[in-house]
Amino acid sequence: MALPKFIVLKSKYNNQYLRYVQDDSQVHSFLQFSGENVVSPFTKLEVVSAKIEGLVHLKCCYNNRYLVRWSPNHWWLVGAADEPEEDQSKWSCTLFKPSSVDRSASIDKDYCDVCIVIDVESLFVLPKYVGFKTEEYGKYLRGHTIETKPYLQFEANDASDAATWHEASFTSDGSLHLKSNHFDKLWKLSSGSWILADADDSAASKEETLFWPIKVNDDVVVIRKLGNNNYCKRFTEGIRLSCLRAVDTEISRFSRLQVKELVVSRKISNVKFHTRDARIYGKSIVPVATGSTTNNNEQKTDVQVNLSYVDVKDSSWNSTSTIKLGVPITINSPFAFLVDESAFETTGEFEGSYEWGAIKKSSRKVEIAYIVGTLEGKSKVTVTLLGTRASADIPFSYTQRDILMDGKEVTYNMDDGLYTSTTTFNFKYEIKIEKV
């Protein structure tokens, strides 16, 4: 059974979503069918192909760690493995075999072992405040009254027109409501499959107001109307010129919409690293610096070896759920680096313009006078400084402050941050003495 790259699992038994338990409790890091929303950093899983055909690894997108048994004595699953393990004789094996369920399958009578797979690889997680523009026509979608009815028409030249502003909100199952700012009404499937903005918030539970956004690429979406399952497209019929209509049974150039986030600027602050949930990986012992000195005399003497190297640290901040739509970002955040096999030091501060995922490098020159001590005559000593180079993925929460196109400021508390750092630590010296 082939799975999409990104999925959410829904229990057939209790209709809840499998989520990573992040709160500070006895079941911290456990996987539990208690999630209430598809669109969440805690429910999203990445499917990683294994070397063995038909088997996969599952990773929590919240912290990039693999699902694994809690201990040799338990069968509970936790999101706690730093590296994949394909040795099936080990309790720490991270392999899974997805199987489709049919009537002949041996399953629990209450369906406790059955999950519904939700494909979120193609789900376009729209920002809250958006505008839409057709790729092929180049006009923005705006509210427009035609014969007293609130149609949505592709006729605006730019997103500064307030009638082009729309508000997106996701339901628990990942379906979408869209509201026209101009009419202050929800989009709704109406007669003739036209999409009108004429539904009150009280109609939010009705299928005619629900949509499913499908990702084409980073800034292009197609919107499928739940109910008739057709794609929304630019359509002209009579006086309805270039209006939105859910009639495409397949994706076409008329249904591809560019997404414009209606945010002028964004500030990320109050960054809090959750090092308890960090993934540490890619460890290797590397030579950092080497130096030598020779005692050419017959008599022994005290010597030192001078070493120098450049200490390089990499940092990047990212979001596991935010679509990157070119909004200018400034960030204020400390750095976090490994100082031993599992401990972190939070230090310094970065403040300035930033693009999600961009690597920030810091470097400093380090000089060491290593005291060897007494060296015999006619001898050479070589000193090599070794260190452990490793990377860490650290989830973080933060405050996001957006300035919208109308000047309004909106603040969100977010949990979808993932910080990655690479550094060298655990230094030790290797001494080699040889006769000359």
Protein backbone atom coordinates (compact mmCIF):
# COMPACT_ATOMS: atom_id res chain seq x y z
CA MET A 1 0.00 0.00 0.00
CA ALA A 2 1.61 3.24 -1.16
CA LEU A 3 1.21 6.29 1.07
CA PRO A 4 1.54 10.00 0.25
CA LYS A 5 4.63 11.77 1.54
CA PHE A 6 2.69 13.66 4.23
CA ILE A 7 -0.31 12.18 6.02
CA VAL A 8 -2.60 12.49 9.01
CA LEU A 9 -4.04 9.32 10.58
CA LYS A 10 -7.61 9.29 11.82
CA SER A 11 -8.82 6.56 14.16
CA LYS A 12 -11.74 4.55 12.88
CA TYR A 13 -12.62 3.84 16.52
CA ASN A 14 -12.94 7.33 18.03
CA ASN A 15 -12.64 9.62 14.96
CA GLN A 16 -9.70 11.47 16.54
CA TYR A 17 -6.38 12.20 14.85
CA LEU A 18 -3.06 10.69 15.88
CA ARG A 19 -1.03 13.46 17.49
CA TYR A 20 2.29 13.99 19.22
CA VAL A 21 1.66 14.78 22.88
CA GLN A 22 3.72 17.91 23.51
CA ASP A 23 2.25 19.02 26.82
CA ASP A 24 4.19 18.40 30.02
CA SER A 25 2.58 15.19 31.22
CA GLN A 26 3.40 11.55 31.86
CA VAL A 27 2.71 10.75 28.23
CA HIS A 28 4.91 13.49 26.78
CA SER A 29 6.18 12.46 23.31
CA PHE A 30 3.63 9.63 23.08
CA LEU A 31 1.47 9.26 19.97
CA GLN A 32 -2.17 9.45 20.97
CA PHE A 33 -5.46 9.42 19.07
CA SER A 34 -6.68 12.63 20.66
CA GLY A 35 -6.03 15.26 18.00
CA GLU A 36 -8.98 17.41 17.00
CA ASN A 37 -7.58 19.12 13.89
CA VAL A 38 -6.01 17.92 10.65
CA VAL A 39 -4.17 21.22 10.22
CA SER A 40 -1.79 21.01 13.17
CA PRO A 41 1.98 20.59 13.57
CA PHE A 42 1.28 17.80 16.07
CA THR A 43 -0.78 15.57 13.73
CA LYS A 44 1.25 15.80 10.53
CA LEU A 45 3.45 12.78 9.75
CA GLU A 46 6.09 12.36 7.06
CA VAL A 47 6.31 8.99 5.30
CA VAL A 48 9.92 7.99 4.60
CA SER A 49 10.61 5.05 2.29
CA ALA A 50 12.64 2.22 3.79
CA LYS A 51 15.29 0.17 2.04
CA ILE A 52 12.95 -2.82 2.26
CA GLU A 53 10.18 -2.65 -0.32
CA GLY A 54 6.71 -2.19 1.15
CA LEU A 55 7.95 -0.84 4.47
CA VAL A 56 8.19 2.78 5.64
CA HIS A 57 9.36 4.95 8.51
CA LEU A 58 7.04 7.57 10.01
CA LYS A 59 8.33 10.92 11.25
CA CYS A 60 6.59 13.50 13.40
CA CYS A 61 6.75 16.77 11.49
CA TYR A 62 6.65 18.65 14.79
CA ASN A 63 10.18 17.56 15.78
CA ASN A 64 11.43 15.48 12.81
CA ARG A 65 11.83 12.37 14.99
CA TYR A 66 10.83 8.85 14.02
CA LEU A 67 8.02 6.83 15.57
CA VAL A 68 9.44 4.02 17.71
CA ARG A 69 8.52 1.84 20.69
CA TRP A 70 8.82 3.56 24.05
CA SER A 71 11.07 0.86 25.51
CA PRO A 72 11.96 -2.84 25.13
CA ASN A 73 9.19 -3.65 27.61
CA HIS A 74 6.39 -1.56 26.11
CA TRP A 75 4.53 -1.33 22.83
CA TRP A 76 3.46 2.30 23.17
CA LEU A 77 4.67 4.47 20.31
CA VAL A 78 6.62 7.67 20.86
CA GLY A 79 8.07 10.23 18.48
CA ALA A 80 11.55 9.93 19.91
CA ALA A 81 13.97 8.15 17.55
CA ASP A 82 16.71 10.39 16.16
CA GLU A 83 17.69 8.00 13.37
CA PRO A 84 15.82 5.31 11.40
CA GLU A 85 16.48 1.69 12.37
CA GLU A 86 15.77 -1.13 9.92
CA ASP A 87 17.06 -4.08 11.94
CA GLN A 88 13.80 -5.85 12.74
CA SER A 89 15.42 -7.87 15.52
CA LYS A 90 15.85 -4.71 17.59
CA TRP A 91 13.10 -3.26 19.76
CA SER A 92 14.11 0.17 18.44
CA CYS A 93 13.20 -0.77 14.86
CA THR A 94 11.29 2.10 13.21
CA LEU A 95 9.77 0.16 10.31
CA PHE A 96 6.03 0.06 9.59
CA LYS A 97 4.05 -1.87 7.01
CA PRO A 98 0.90 -0.08 5.83
CA SER A 99 -1.83 -2.45 4.71
CA SER A 100 -5.21 -1.72 3.20
CA VAL A 101 -8.22 -3.19 4.99
CA ASP A 102 -10.80 -5.32 3.25
CA ARG A 103 -13.57 -7.58 4.47
CA SER A 104 -11.26 -10.58 4.71
CA ALA A 105 -8.75 -8.76 6.93
CA SER A 106 -8.43 -9.80 10.57
CA ILE A 107 -9.16 -6.59 12.47
CA ASP A 108 -10.35 -5.55 15.90
CA LYS A 109 -14.13 -5.71 16.24
CA ASP A 110 -14.21 -2.06 17.36
CA TYR A 111 -11.81 -1.00 14.59
CA CYS A 112 -9.19 0.05 17.17
CA ASP A 113 -6.43 -1.01 14.76
CA VAL A 114 -7.88 0.69 11.68
CA CYS A 115 -6.89 4.20 10.56
CA ILE A 116 -8.12 6.44 7.79
CA VAL A 117 -5.21 7.97 5.87
CA ILE A 118 -5.65 11.65 5.04
CA ASP A 119 -3.38 12.98 2.31
CA VAL A 120 -2.01 16.34 3.45
CA GLU A 121 0.88 16.39 0.98
CA SER A 122 -1.43 18.08 -1.51
CA LEU A 123 -3.32 20.15 1.07
CA PHE A 124 -2.58 23.85 0.60
CA VAL A 125 -2.67 25.36 4.10
CA LEU A 126 -3.86 28.81 3.12
CA PRO A 127 -2.96 31.80 5.29
CA LYS A 128 -5.86 33.49 7.03
CA TYR A 129 -5.99 36.63 4.86
CA VAL A 130 -5.70 35.92 1.13
CA GLY A 131 -6.34 37.12 -2.36
CA PHE A 132 -6.61 34.97 -5.50
CA LYS A 133 -5.45 35.74 -9.04
CA THR A 134 -5.83 33.60 -12.14
CA GLU A 135 -2.56 32.54 -13.72
CA GLU A 136 -3.92 32.74 -17.24
CA TYR A 137 -5.92 35.97 -16.93
CA GLY A 138 -3.93 37.97 -14.40
CA LYS A 139 -6.92 39.47 -12.57
CA TYR A 140 -7.75 39.26 -8.87
CA LEU A 141 -10.98 37.75 -7.59
CA ARG A 142 -13.26 40.41 -6.06
CA GLY A 143 -16.77 40.66 -4.76
CA HIS A 144 -19.11 42.10 -7.40
CA THR A 145 -22.88 42.44 -7.47
CA ILE A 146 -24.60 41.22 -10.62
CA GLU A 147 -28.38 41.49 -10.75
CA THR A 148 -28.45 41.96 -6.97
CA LYS A 149 -26.49 38.74 -6.38
CA PRO A 150 -23.05 38.64 -4.67
CA TYR A 151 -20.82 37.04 -7.31
CA LEU A 152 -17.07 36.59 -7.19
CA GLN A 153 -15.51 37.99 -10.34
CA PHE A 154 -11.95 38.10 -11.69
CA GLU A 155 -11.71 41.76 -12.57
CA ALA A 156 -9.34 43.59 -10.16
CA ASN A 157 -5.85 44.60 -11.27
CA ASP A 158 -4.16 44.40 -7.88
CA ALA A 159 -4.70 43.24 -4.32
CA SER A 160 -4.94 46.76 -2.89
CA ASP A 161 -8.63 46.71 -3.82
CA ALA A 162 -10.35 45.75 -0.55
CA ALA A 163 -13.02 43.85 -2.48
CA THR A 164 -10.34 41.28 -3.40
CA TRP A 165 -9.69 40.36 0.22
CA HIS A 166 -10.89 37.03 1.55
CA GLU A 167 -10.55 35.24 4.87
CA ALA A 168 -9.70 31.53 5.08
CA SER A 169 -10.50 29.30 8.05
CA PHE A 170 -10.03 25.55 8.34
CA THR A 171 -12.45 23.14 9.95
CA SER A 172 -11.28 20.24 12.10
CA ASP A 173 -11.24 17.80 9.16
CA GLY A 174 -9.07 20.05 6.97
CA SER A 175 -11.85 21.40 4.79
CA LEU A 176 -12.02 25.13 4.26
CA HIS A 177 -14.36 28.09 4.63
CA LEU A 178 -13.71 31.24 2.63
CA LYS A 179 -15.33 34.56 3.43
CA SER A 180 -15.53 37.58 1.15
CA ASN A 181 -14.35 40.73 2.91
CA HIS A 182 -16.49 42.83 0.54
CA PHE A 183 -19.77 41.06 1.33
CA ASP A 184 -18.79 39.76 4.80
CA LYS A 185 -20.34 36.44 3.79
CA LEU A 186 -19.07 32.90 3.28
CA TRP A 187 -18.56 31.48 -0.20
CA LYS A 188 -21.33 29.05 -1.06
CA LEU A 189 -22.22 26.71 -3.89
CA SER A 190 -25.37 28.09 -5.49
CA SER A 191 -27.63 27.12 -8.38
CA GLY A 192 -25.82 26.50 -11.64
CA SER A 193 -22.65 25.71 -9.63
CA TRP A 194 -21.83 29.41 -9.33
CA ILE A 195 -19.94 30.39 -6.18
CA LEU A 196 -21.71 33.26 -4.42
CA ALA A 197 -20.71 35.04 -1.22
CA ASP A 198 -24.09 34.95 0.48
CA ALA A 199 -23.89 32.48 3.39
CA ASP A 200 -24.00 33.54 7.03
CA ASP A 201 -21.59 32.08 9.60
CA SER A 202 -24.49 29.97 10.87
CA ALA A 203 -24.26 27.97 7.62
CA ALA A 204 -20.62 27.02 8.25
CA SER A 205 -21.50 23.39 9.01
CA LYS A 206 -23.27 22.93 5.70
CA GLU A 207 -21.49 21.20 2.83
CA GLU A 208 -22.28 23.91 0.32
CA THR A 209 -19.90 26.26 2.19
CA LEU A 210 -16.97 23.81 2.38
CA PHE A 211 -13.99 23.65 0.03
CA TRP A 212 -10.74 21.69 -0.25
CA PRO A 213 -7.57 23.59 -1.30
CA ILE A 214 -5.10 21.53 -3.35
CA LYS A 215 -1.48 22.59 -3.69
CA VAL A 216 -0.11 22.86 -7.22
CA ASN A 217 3.12 24.57 -6.22
CA ASP A 218 4.33 26.99 -3.54
CA ASP A 219 1.95 29.80 -4.51
CA VAL A 220 -0.63 28.16 -6.78
CA VAL A 221 -3.77 26.43 -5.55
CA VAL A 222 -6.83 24.82 -7.06
CA ILE A 223 -9.98 24.89 -4.97
CA ARG A 224 -12.27 21.88 -5.07
CA LYS A 225 -15.86 22.37 -4.03
CA LEU A 226 -17.02 19.70 -1.61
CA GLY A 227 -20.49 18.58 -2.54
CA ASN A 228 -20.17 18.43 -6.31
CA ASN A 229 -16.39 17.72 -6.12
CA ASN A 230 -15.68 20.04 -9.04
CA TYR A 231 -12.85 22.54 -9.24
CA CYS A 232 -13.58 26.25 -9.12
CA LYS A 233 -12.59 28.14 -12.26
CA ARG A 234 -12.96 31.43 -14.09
CA PHE A 235 -16.09 31.10 -16.24
CA THR A 236 -18.10 33.40 -18.49
CA GLU A 237 -21.77 32.95 -19.31
CA GLY A 238 -24.00 35.81 -20.40
CA ILE A 239 -23.57 38.80 -18.08
CA ARG A 240 -21.53 36.72 -15.66
CA LEU A 241 -18.12 37.69 -17.00
CA SER A 242 -15.11 35.84 -15.54
CA CYS A 243 -16.99 34.73 -12.44
CA LEU A 244 -16.13 31.84 -10.16
CA ARG A 245 -17.93 28.60 -10.94
CA ALA A 246 -17.35 25.03 -9.69
CA VAL A 247 -17.67 23.10 -12.95
CA ASP A 248 -14.22 21.72 -13.81
CA THR A 249 -13.98 17.95 -13.35
CA GLU A 250 -10.23 18.13 -13.93
CA ILE A 251 -7.61 20.76 -13.11
CA SER A 252 -7.24 23.22 -15.98
CA ARG A 253 -5.38 26.47 -16.55
CA PHE A 254 -8.61 28.29 -15.71
CA SER A 255 -8.77 26.72 -12.24
CA ARG A 256 -5.15 27.43 -11.22
CA LEU A 257 -5.11 30.37 -8.81
CA GLN A 258 -2.11 32.29 -7.53
CA VAL A 259 -2.32 32.97 -3.81
CA LYS A 260 -1.50 36.40 -2.42
CA GLU A 261 -1.10 36.73 1.34
CA LEU A 262 -2.54 40.08 2.39
CA VAL A 263 0.24 40.84 4.84
CA VAL A 264 2.62 43.80 4.49
CA SER A 265 5.11 42.70 7.15
CA ARG A 266 5.59 39.97 9.72
CA LYS A 267 7.58 39.93 12.96
CA ILE A 268 8.60 36.74 14.77
CA SER A 269 9.45 37.14 18.46
CA ASN A 270 9.18 35.44 21.87
CA VAL A 271 10.92 32.36 20.50
CA LYS A 272 10.91 29.49 23.01
CA PHE A 273 12.96 26.40 22.20
CA HIS A 274 11.58 23.02 23.28
CA THR A 275 14.90 21.21 23.64
CA ARG A 276 13.22 18.26 25.36
CA ASP A 277 11.70 17.38 21.98
CA ALA A 278 14.88 17.93 19.95
CA ARG A 279 16.24 15.50 17.40
CA ILE A 280 20.04 15.09 17.38
CA TYR A 281 21.55 13.49 14.31
CA GLY A 282 24.46 13.30 11.88
CA LYS A 283 27.09 12.86 14.60
CA SER A 284 30.64 12.38 13.39
CA ILE A 285 34.13 12.81 14.86
CA VAL A 286 36.03 15.37 12.82
CA PRO A 287 39.57 16.78 13.02
CA VAL A 288 39.29 20.44 13.96
CA ALA A 289 42.92 21.56 14.06
CA THR A 290 46.39 20.01 13.83
CA GLY A 291 49.78 21.35 14.84
CA SER A 292 53.23 19.97 15.59
CA THR A 293 56.61 20.93 16.94
CA THR A 294 60.02 19.21 16.90
CA ASN A 295 62.75 19.06 19.53
CA ASN A 296 65.93 18.86 17.46
CA ASN A 297 68.17 18.92 20.52
CA GLU A 298 69.62 15.90 22.25
CA GLN A 299 68.21 17.03 25.59
CA LYS A 300 64.55 16.88 26.52
CA THR A 301 62.68 20.15 26.84
CA ASP A 302 59.24 21.55 27.63
CA VAL A 303 57.19 22.38 24.50
CA GLN A 304 53.81 23.67 23.46
CA VAL A 305 51.91 23.34 20.20
CA ASN A 306 49.95 26.26 18.79
CA LEU A 307 46.61 25.38 17.22
CA SER A 308 44.13 27.58 15.42
CA TYR A 309 40.81 26.94 13.76
CA VAL A 310 37.59 28.68 12.75
CA ASP A 311 34.58 27.64 14.83
CA VAL A 312 31.59 27.64 12.45
CA LYS A 313 27.99 27.35 13.64
CA ASP A 314 24.92 27.13 11.39
CA SER A 315 21.37 28.12 12.33
CA SER A 316 18.06 28.21 10.51
CA TRP A 317 14.46 28.80 11.53
CA ASN A 318 11.55 27.27 9.70
CA SER A 319 7.84 26.61 9.94
CA THR A 320 6.41 23.12 9.52
CA SER A 321 3.03 24.40 8.33
CA THR A 322 3.37 27.98 7.03
CA ILE A 323 3.30 28.38 3.26
CA LYS A 324 6.06 30.70 2.06
CA LEU A 325 4.41 33.45 0.02
CA GLY A 326 7.04 36.17 0.03
CA VAL A 327 5.87 38.17 3.05
CA PRO A 328 8.81 40.21 4.45
CA ILE A 329 9.83 38.74 7.81
CA THR A 330 11.89 40.07 10.67
CA ILE A 331 12.87 37.73 13.47
CA ASN A 332 14.18 38.18 16.98
CA SER A 333 15.50 34.93 18.38
CA PRO A 334 18.32 33.46 20.45
CA PHE A 335 20.54 30.67 19.14
CA ALA A 336 20.64 27.15 20.59
CA PHE A 337 23.64 24.84 20.16
CA LEU A 338 24.67 21.44 21.45
CA VAL A 339 27.34 21.54 24.15
CA ASP A 340 27.49 17.78 24.72
CA GLU A 341 25.66 14.67 23.52
CA SER A 342 22.23 15.87 24.67
CA ALA A 343 22.50 19.28 26.37
CA PHE A 344 21.94 22.65 24.72
CA GLU A 345 23.13 26.15 25.42
CA THR A 346 20.92 29.07 24.47
CA THR A 347 23.04 32.06 23.68
CA GLY A 348 23.22 35.34 21.79
CA GLU A 349 20.49 36.80 19.65
CA PHE A 350 19.68 37.26 15.99
CA GLU A 351 17.49 40.16 14.96
CA GLY A 352 16.86 41.27 11.42
CA SER A 353 15.25 40.46 8.09
CA TYR A 354 14.88 36.77 7.47
CA GLU A 355 13.50 34.21 5.02
CA TRP A 356 12.18 30.94 6.47
CA GLY A 357 14.78 28.19 6.09
CA ALA A 358 17.74 30.44 5.25
CA ILE A 359 21.00 29.37 6.92
CA LYS A 360 22.73 31.90 9.14
CA LYS A 361 26.42 31.21 9.70
CA SER A 362 28.48 32.51 12.59
CA SER A 363 32.21 32.02 12.89
CA ARG A 364 35.04 32.96 15.19
CA LYS A 365 38.76 32.27 15.09
CA VAL A 366 40.05 30.22 18.01
CA GLU A 367 43.71 30.01 18.98
CA ILE A 368 45.01 27.50 21.51
CA ALA A 369 48.45 27.12 23.07
CA TYR A 370 48.46 23.45 24.03
CA ILE A 371 51.05 22.61 26.70
CA VAL A 372 52.56 19.25 25.80
CA GLY A 373 55.02 19.19 28.69
CA THR A 374 58.40 17.51 28.43
CA LEU A 375 59.43 16.21 25.02
CA GLU A 376 62.40 13.93 24.61
CA GLY A 377 65.27 15.02 22.38
CA LYS A 378 65.16 14.30 18.66
CA SER A 379 61.38 13.90 18.82
CA LYS A 380 58.36 15.36 17.09
CA VAL A 381 54.96 15.77 18.68
CA THR A 382 51.76 16.20 16.67
CA VAL A 383 48.60 17.41 18.40
CA THR A 384 45.22 16.95 16.74
CA LEU A 385 42.10 18.56 18.16
CA LEU A 386 39.05 16.36 17.52
CA GLY A 387 35.43 17.33 17.95
CA THR A 388 31.94 15.92 17.46
CA ARG A 389 30.06 17.62 14.64
CA ALA A 390 26.29 17.19 14.82
CA SER A 391 22.99 18.78 13.90
CA ALA A 392 19.83 19.26 15.95
CA ASP A 393 16.22 19.99 15.03
CA ILE A 394 14.54 21.84 17.88
CA PRO A 395 10.82 22.66 17.87
CA PHE A 396 9.99 26.17 18.99
CA SER A 397 6.93 28.23 19.76
CA TYR A 398 6.75 31.93 18.96
CA THR A 399 4.61 35.02 18.60
CA GLN A 400 3.77 36.19 15.09
CA ARG A 401 2.66 39.77 14.54
CA ASP A 402 1.30 40.61 11.10
CA ILE A 403 0.53 44.02 9.64
CA LEU A 404 -2.27 43.56 7.08
CA MET A 405 -2.77 45.60 3.91
CA ASP A 406 -5.42 47.71 5.66
CA GLY A 407 -2.99 48.55 8.48
CA LYS A 408 -4.62 46.23 11.01
CA GLU A 409 -2.25 44.35 13.35
CA VAL A 410 -2.99 40.69 14.05
CA THR A 411 -1.11 38.56 16.62
CA TYR A 412 -0.89 34.77 16.72
CA ASN A 413 0.75 32.35 19.15
CA MET A 414 2.31 29.61 17.03
CA ASP A 415 3.69 26.13 17.77
CA ASP A 416 4.96 25.11 14.33
CA GLY A 417 8.54 26.41 14.50
CA LEU A 418 11.51 24.11 13.81
CA TYR A 419 15.01 25.43 14.43
CA THR A 420 18.04 23.60 13.02
CA SER A 421 21.57 24.14 14.25
CA THR A 422 24.91 22.52 13.46
CA THR A 423 27.94 22.88 15.68
CA THR A 424 31.07 21.15 16.99
CA PHE A 425 31.44 20.12 20.64
CA ASN A 426 33.05 17.48 22.90
CA PHE A 427 36.60 18.49 22.03
CA LYS A 428 39.50 16.23 22.88
CA TYR A 429 43.18 16.08 21.99
CA GLU A 430 45.01 13.28 20.25
CA ILE A 431 48.79 13.22 20.84
CA LYS A 432 51.32 11.45 18.61
CA ILE A 433 55.05 11.42 19.38
CA GLU A 434 57.66 10.08 17.00
CA LYS A 435 61.48 10.08 16.77
CA VAL A 436 63.21 12.21 14.15
